[in-house]
């Protein structure tokens, strides 16, 4: 039985050791925007304003709390325990950039270009 590849791993040439996606760096930019760096070398900006609903995320509408974001073992987290899956963040980051830009960045980081 063949397992279908994940869309993220099909469209981006992940080295095998980096198959499991992690956020390795976060930088607060403005309002609800964060600049993220992933372990595969891709950097992107995510705007999480539309994602801040529900019991755990609602408190993050307070920008002073939102700005306290940090990287835990594999994704971003806030002091109240809220976090997002790195795969979800990666998809948001890619949606904001043309494919050619993030592919070019990955190839440059890998030395393929």
N, C-alpha and C. Protein backbone atom coordinates (compact mmCIF):
# COMPACT_ATOMS: atom_id res chain seq x y z
N UNK A 1 0.84 -1.18 0.00
CA UNK A 1 0.00 0.00 0.00
C UNK A 1 0.89 1.24 0.00
N UNK A 2 0.62 2.15 -0.89
CA UNK A 2 1.41 3.38 -0.99
C UNK A 2 0.70 4.50 -0.25
N UNK A 3 1.44 5.22 0.56
CA UNK A 3 0.90 6.34 1.31
C UNK A 3 0.97 7.58 0.44
N UNK A 4 -0.13 8.31 0.37
CA UNK A 4 -0.16 9.54 -0.42
C UNK A 4 0.67 10.60 0.28
N UNK A 5 1.50 11.27 -0.47
CA UNK A 5 2.35 12.33 0.08
C UNK A 5 1.52 13.54 0.49
N UNK A 6 1.94 14.20 1.51
CA UNK A 6 1.34 15.45 1.95
C UNK A 6 1.61 16.52 0.89
N UNK A 7 0.65 17.38 0.62
CA UNK A 7 0.80 18.44 -0.37
C UNK A 7 2.04 19.29 -0.09
N UNK A 8 2.31 19.57 1.19
CA UNK A 8 3.47 20.40 1.53
C UNK A 8 4.77 19.71 1.15
N UNK A 9 4.86 18.40 1.37
CA UNK A 9 6.09 17.70 1.05
C UNK A 9 6.23 17.42 -0.44
N UNK A 10 5.11 17.40 -1.16
CA UNK A 10 5.18 17.21 -2.62
C UNK A 10 5.67 18.47 -3.31
N UNK A 11 5.24 19.62 -2.83
CA UNK A 11 5.51 20.87 -3.54
C UNK A 11 6.83 21.52 -3.16
N UNK A 12 7.44 21.08 -2.07
CA UNK A 12 8.69 21.67 -1.61
C UNK A 12 9.69 20.56 -1.40
N UNK A 13 10.88 20.70 -1.93
CA UNK A 13 11.87 19.62 -1.79
C UNK A 13 12.48 19.59 -0.39
N UNK A 14 11.81 18.94 0.54
CA UNK A 14 12.31 18.83 1.91
C UNK A 14 13.44 17.81 1.95
N UNK A 15 14.56 18.16 2.57
CA UNK A 15 15.52 17.11 2.87
C UNK A 15 14.87 16.15 3.87
N UNK A 16 15.16 14.88 3.80
CA UNK A 16 14.51 13.88 4.66
C UNK A 16 14.63 14.22 6.14
N UNK A 17 15.77 14.74 6.59
CA UNK A 17 15.94 15.03 8.00
C UNK A 17 15.04 16.18 8.46
N UNK A 18 14.50 16.94 7.52
CA UNK A 18 13.65 18.07 7.86
C UNK A 18 12.20 17.81 7.48
N UNK A 19 11.82 16.55 7.36
CA UNK A 19 10.47 16.22 6.96
C UNK A 19 9.44 16.70 7.97
N UNK A 20 9.80 16.70 9.25
CA UNK A 20 8.89 17.18 10.27
C UNK A 20 9.09 18.68 10.42
N UNK A 21 8.06 19.42 10.12
CA UNK A 21 8.13 20.87 10.08
C UNK A 21 8.13 21.47 11.48
N UNK A 22 9.04 22.40 11.72
CA UNK A 22 9.12 23.12 12.99
C UNK A 22 9.30 24.60 12.73
N UNK A 23 8.78 25.42 13.61
CA UNK A 23 9.10 26.85 13.61
C UNK A 23 10.35 27.00 14.46
N UNK A 24 11.37 27.68 13.92
CA UNK A 24 12.61 27.84 14.68
C UNK A 24 12.85 29.28 15.12
N UNK A 25 12.09 30.23 14.55
CA UNK A 25 12.27 31.62 14.92
C UNK A 25 10.96 32.38 14.69
N UNK A 26 10.64 33.28 15.61
CA UNK A 26 9.45 34.13 15.45
C UNK A 26 9.83 35.56 15.77
N UNK A 27 9.29 36.48 14.99
CA UNK A 27 9.51 37.91 15.22
C UNK A 27 8.17 38.62 15.10
N UNK A 28 7.79 39.35 16.14
CA UNK A 28 6.55 40.13 16.09
C UNK A 28 6.77 41.30 15.14
N UNK A 29 5.82 41.54 14.25
CA UNK A 29 5.93 42.65 13.30
C UNK A 29 4.98 43.79 13.65
N UNK A 30 3.68 43.53 13.55
CA UNK A 30 2.69 44.59 13.76
C UNK A 30 1.33 43.95 13.94
N UNK A 31 0.49 44.55 14.75
CA UNK A 31 -0.86 44.06 15.00
C UNK A 31 -0.83 42.56 15.28
N UNK A 32 -1.32 41.74 14.35
CA UNK A 32 -1.35 40.29 14.54
C UNK A 32 -0.48 39.57 13.52
N UNK A 33 0.55 40.26 13.07
CA UNK A 33 1.46 39.70 12.07
C UNK A 33 2.77 39.26 12.72
N UNK A 34 3.22 38.09 12.30
CA UNK A 34 4.47 37.53 12.78
C UNK A 34 5.32 37.09 11.59
N UNK A 35 6.61 37.26 11.71
CA UNK A 35 7.53 36.71 10.72
C UNK A 35 8.06 35.40 11.31
N UNK A 36 7.90 34.32 10.56
CA UNK A 36 8.30 33.00 11.04
C UNK A 36 9.41 32.44 10.16
N UNK A 37 10.31 31.70 10.77
CA UNK A 37 11.32 30.94 10.06
C UNK A 37 11.09 29.47 10.41
N UNK A 38 11.06 28.63 9.38
CA UNK A 38 10.83 27.20 9.57
C UNK A 38 12.13 26.43 9.41
N UNK A 39 12.18 25.23 9.92
CA UNK A 39 13.40 24.43 9.89
C UNK A 39 13.82 24.01 8.48
N UNK A 40 12.97 24.22 7.49
CA UNK A 40 13.34 23.92 6.11
C UNK A 40 13.92 25.14 5.39
N UNK A 41 14.11 26.24 6.14
CA UNK A 41 14.72 27.44 5.58
C UNK A 41 13.73 28.46 5.05
N UNK A 42 12.47 28.10 4.97
CA UNK A 42 11.45 29.03 4.47
C UNK A 42 11.13 30.06 5.55
N UNK A 43 11.04 31.32 5.14
CA UNK A 43 10.59 32.40 6.01
C UNK A 43 9.29 32.94 5.43
N UNK A 44 8.39 33.34 6.29
CA UNK A 44 7.14 33.90 5.81
C UNK A 44 6.45 34.72 6.87
N UNK A 45 5.51 35.50 6.43
CA UNK A 45 4.73 36.35 7.33
C UNK A 45 3.33 35.77 7.44
N UNK A 46 2.86 35.65 8.67
CA UNK A 46 1.50 35.19 8.91
C UNK A 46 0.72 36.29 9.61
N UNK A 47 -0.52 36.47 9.21
CA UNK A 47 -1.43 37.40 9.88
C UNK A 47 -2.49 36.53 10.54
N UNK A 48 -2.48 36.48 11.86
CA UNK A 48 -3.35 35.58 12.60
C UNK A 48 -4.63 36.23 13.11
N UNK A 49 -4.90 37.46 12.71
CA UNK A 49 -6.07 38.18 13.22
C UNK A 49 -7.35 37.38 13.05
N UNK A 50 -7.55 36.75 11.90
CA UNK A 50 -8.78 36.01 11.62
C UNK A 50 -8.83 34.66 12.34
N UNK A 51 -7.74 34.26 12.97
CA UNK A 51 -7.67 32.96 13.64
C UNK A 51 -7.87 33.06 15.15
N UNK A 52 -8.04 34.27 15.67
CA UNK A 52 -8.11 34.48 17.12
C UNK A 52 -9.55 34.41 17.63
N UNK A 53 -10.10 33.22 17.59
CA UNK A 53 -11.45 33.00 18.11
C UNK A 53 -11.43 31.73 18.95
N UNK A 54 -12.40 31.60 19.80
CA UNK A 54 -12.46 30.44 20.69
C UNK A 54 -11.81 30.76 22.03
N UNK A 55 -12.07 29.92 22.97
CA UNK A 55 -11.66 30.14 24.36
C UNK A 55 -10.15 30.36 24.53
N UNK A 56 -9.33 29.60 23.84
CA UNK A 56 -7.89 29.70 24.04
C UNK A 56 -7.27 30.85 23.25
N UNK A 57 -7.83 31.18 22.08
CA UNK A 57 -7.23 32.21 21.23
C UNK A 57 -7.81 33.61 21.44
N UNK A 58 -9.02 33.70 21.95
CA UNK A 58 -9.68 35.00 22.15
C UNK A 58 -8.82 35.97 22.97
N UNK A 59 -8.15 35.53 24.06
CA UNK A 59 -7.32 36.46 24.83
C UNK A 59 -6.18 37.09 24.03
N UNK A 60 -5.77 36.45 22.92
CA UNK A 60 -4.68 36.98 22.11
C UNK A 60 -5.08 38.21 21.31
N UNK A 61 -6.36 38.57 21.32
CA UNK A 61 -6.78 39.81 20.68
C UNK A 61 -6.21 41.01 21.43
N UNK A 62 -5.81 40.81 22.67
CA UNK A 62 -5.08 41.83 23.43
C UNK A 62 -3.65 41.83 22.87
N UNK A 63 -3.30 42.88 22.15
CA UNK A 63 -2.01 42.91 21.46
C UNK A 63 -0.82 42.82 22.41
N UNK A 64 -0.99 43.28 23.65
CA UNK A 64 0.12 43.17 24.59
C UNK A 64 0.41 41.70 24.91
N UNK A 65 -0.62 40.85 24.93
CA UNK A 65 -0.41 39.41 25.12
C UNK A 65 0.08 38.77 23.83
N UNK A 66 -0.49 39.18 22.70
CA UNK A 66 -0.09 38.62 21.41
C UNK A 66 1.41 38.80 21.17
N UNK A 67 1.94 39.94 21.58
CA UNK A 67 3.35 40.25 21.36
C UNK A 67 4.29 39.38 22.19
N UNK A 68 3.77 38.66 23.15
CA UNK A 68 4.60 37.81 24.02
C UNK A 68 4.81 36.42 23.43
N UNK A 69 4.62 36.28 22.14
CA UNK A 69 4.80 35.01 21.45
C UNK A 69 6.26 34.55 21.56
N UNK A 70 6.44 33.24 21.63
CA UNK A 70 7.78 32.67 21.67
C UNK A 70 7.76 31.30 20.99
N UNK A 71 8.95 30.78 20.71
CA UNK A 71 9.08 29.46 20.10
C UNK A 71 9.23 28.43 21.21
N UNK A 72 8.41 27.39 21.17
CA UNK A 72 8.60 26.28 22.10
C UNK A 72 9.36 25.19 21.35
N UNK A 73 9.13 23.94 21.63
CA UNK A 73 9.93 22.88 21.02
C UNK A 73 9.76 22.75 19.50
N UNK A 74 8.57 23.11 18.95
CA UNK A 74 8.40 22.96 17.50
C UNK A 74 7.47 23.98 16.85
N UNK A 75 6.87 24.85 17.62
CA UNK A 75 5.97 25.85 17.05
C UNK A 75 5.98 27.10 17.92
N UNK A 76 5.06 28.02 17.65
CA UNK A 76 4.96 29.22 18.47
C UNK A 76 3.91 29.02 19.55
N UNK A 77 4.10 29.73 20.65
CA UNK A 77 3.19 29.60 21.78
C UNK A 77 3.12 30.93 22.51
N UNK A 78 2.07 31.09 23.30
CA UNK A 78 1.89 32.28 24.13
C UNK A 78 1.80 31.86 25.58
N UNK A 79 2.00 32.81 26.50
CA UNK A 79 1.97 32.48 27.93
C UNK A 79 0.67 31.82 28.41
N UNK A 80 -0.44 32.03 27.70
CA UNK A 80 -1.71 31.41 28.11
C UNK A 80 -1.85 29.97 27.59
N UNK A 81 -0.82 29.46 26.90
CA UNK A 81 -0.84 28.09 26.40
C UNK A 81 -1.35 27.95 24.98
N UNK A 82 -1.81 29.01 24.37
CA UNK A 82 -2.29 28.96 22.97
C UNK A 82 -1.11 28.67 22.05
N UNK A 83 -1.36 27.84 21.05
CA UNK A 83 -0.36 27.57 20.02
C UNK A 83 -1.06 27.15 18.73
N UNK A 84 -0.31 27.19 17.66
CA UNK A 84 -0.80 26.77 16.35
C UNK A 84 0.13 25.70 15.81
N UNK A 85 -0.41 24.73 15.10
CA UNK A 85 0.40 23.70 14.47
C UNK A 85 1.33 24.35 13.44
N UNK A 86 2.58 23.92 13.38
CA UNK A 86 3.51 24.52 12.42
C UNK A 86 3.06 24.33 10.97
N UNK A 87 2.38 23.23 10.68
CA UNK A 87 1.90 22.99 9.31
C UNK A 87 0.84 24.03 8.91
N UNK A 88 -0.03 24.37 9.86
CA UNK A 88 -1.05 25.39 9.63
C UNK A 88 -0.38 26.74 9.38
N UNK A 89 0.60 27.09 10.19
CA UNK A 89 1.31 28.36 10.03
C UNK A 89 2.05 28.40 8.69
N UNK A 90 2.62 27.27 8.30
CA UNK A 90 3.35 27.19 7.05
C UNK A 90 2.43 27.45 5.86
N UNK A 91 1.25 26.86 5.89
CA UNK A 91 0.28 27.08 4.82
C UNK A 91 -0.12 28.55 4.73
N UNK A 92 -0.34 29.19 5.86
CA UNK A 92 -0.69 30.61 5.86
C UNK A 92 0.46 31.43 5.28
N UNK A 93 1.68 31.12 5.71
CA UNK A 93 2.86 31.85 5.22
C UNK A 93 3.01 31.70 3.71
N UNK A 94 2.76 30.50 3.19
CA UNK A 94 2.90 30.28 1.75
C UNK A 94 1.80 30.96 0.96
N UNK A 95 0.62 31.05 1.53
CA UNK A 95 -0.49 31.72 0.85
C UNK A 95 -0.20 33.20 0.62
N UNK A 96 0.66 33.78 1.42
CA UNK A 96 0.95 35.21 1.31
C UNK A 96 2.04 35.52 0.29
N UNK A 97 2.73 34.49 -0.23
CA UNK A 97 3.84 34.72 -1.15
C UNK A 97 3.64 33.94 -2.44
N UNK A 98 4.08 34.49 -3.55
CA UNK A 98 4.06 33.71 -4.80
C UNK A 98 4.97 32.49 -4.65
N UNK A 99 4.59 31.39 -5.26
CA UNK A 99 5.36 30.15 -5.16
C UNK A 99 6.81 30.36 -5.57
N UNK A 100 7.05 31.16 -6.59
CA UNK A 100 8.41 31.34 -7.09
C UNK A 100 9.32 31.94 -6.02
N UNK A 101 8.78 32.80 -5.17
CA UNK A 101 9.62 33.43 -4.14
C UNK A 101 10.07 32.42 -3.12
N UNK A 102 9.15 31.59 -2.57
CA UNK A 102 9.59 30.67 -1.52
C UNK A 102 10.40 29.52 -2.07
N UNK A 103 10.16 29.10 -3.30
CA UNK A 103 11.01 28.05 -3.90
C UNK A 103 12.42 28.59 -4.11
N UNK A 104 12.52 29.81 -4.59
CA UNK A 104 13.82 30.43 -4.81
C UNK A 104 14.58 30.54 -3.50
N UNK A 105 13.90 30.96 -2.43
CA UNK A 105 14.55 31.08 -1.12
C UNK A 105 15.06 29.73 -0.63
N UNK A 106 14.26 28.70 -0.80
CA UNK A 106 14.67 27.37 -0.35
C UNK A 106 15.90 26.89 -1.13
N UNK A 107 15.88 27.07 -2.44
CA UNK A 107 17.01 26.64 -3.26
C UNK A 107 18.27 27.41 -2.91
N UNK A 108 18.15 28.69 -2.65
CA UNK A 108 19.31 29.50 -2.27
C UNK A 108 19.88 29.01 -0.94
N UNK A 109 19.03 28.68 0.02
CA UNK A 109 19.51 28.22 1.33
C UNK A 109 20.17 26.86 1.22
N UNK A 110 19.71 26.03 0.30
CA UNK A 110 20.29 24.70 0.12
C UNK A 110 21.52 24.73 -0.76
N UNK A 111 21.80 25.88 -1.39
CA UNK A 111 22.97 25.99 -2.25
C UNK A 111 22.78 25.40 -3.63
N UNK A 112 21.52 25.18 -4.00
CA UNK A 112 21.23 24.61 -5.32
C UNK A 112 21.23 25.65 -6.43
N UNK A 113 21.37 26.88 -6.07
CA UNK A 113 21.27 27.93 -7.08
C UNK A 113 22.46 28.83 -7.03
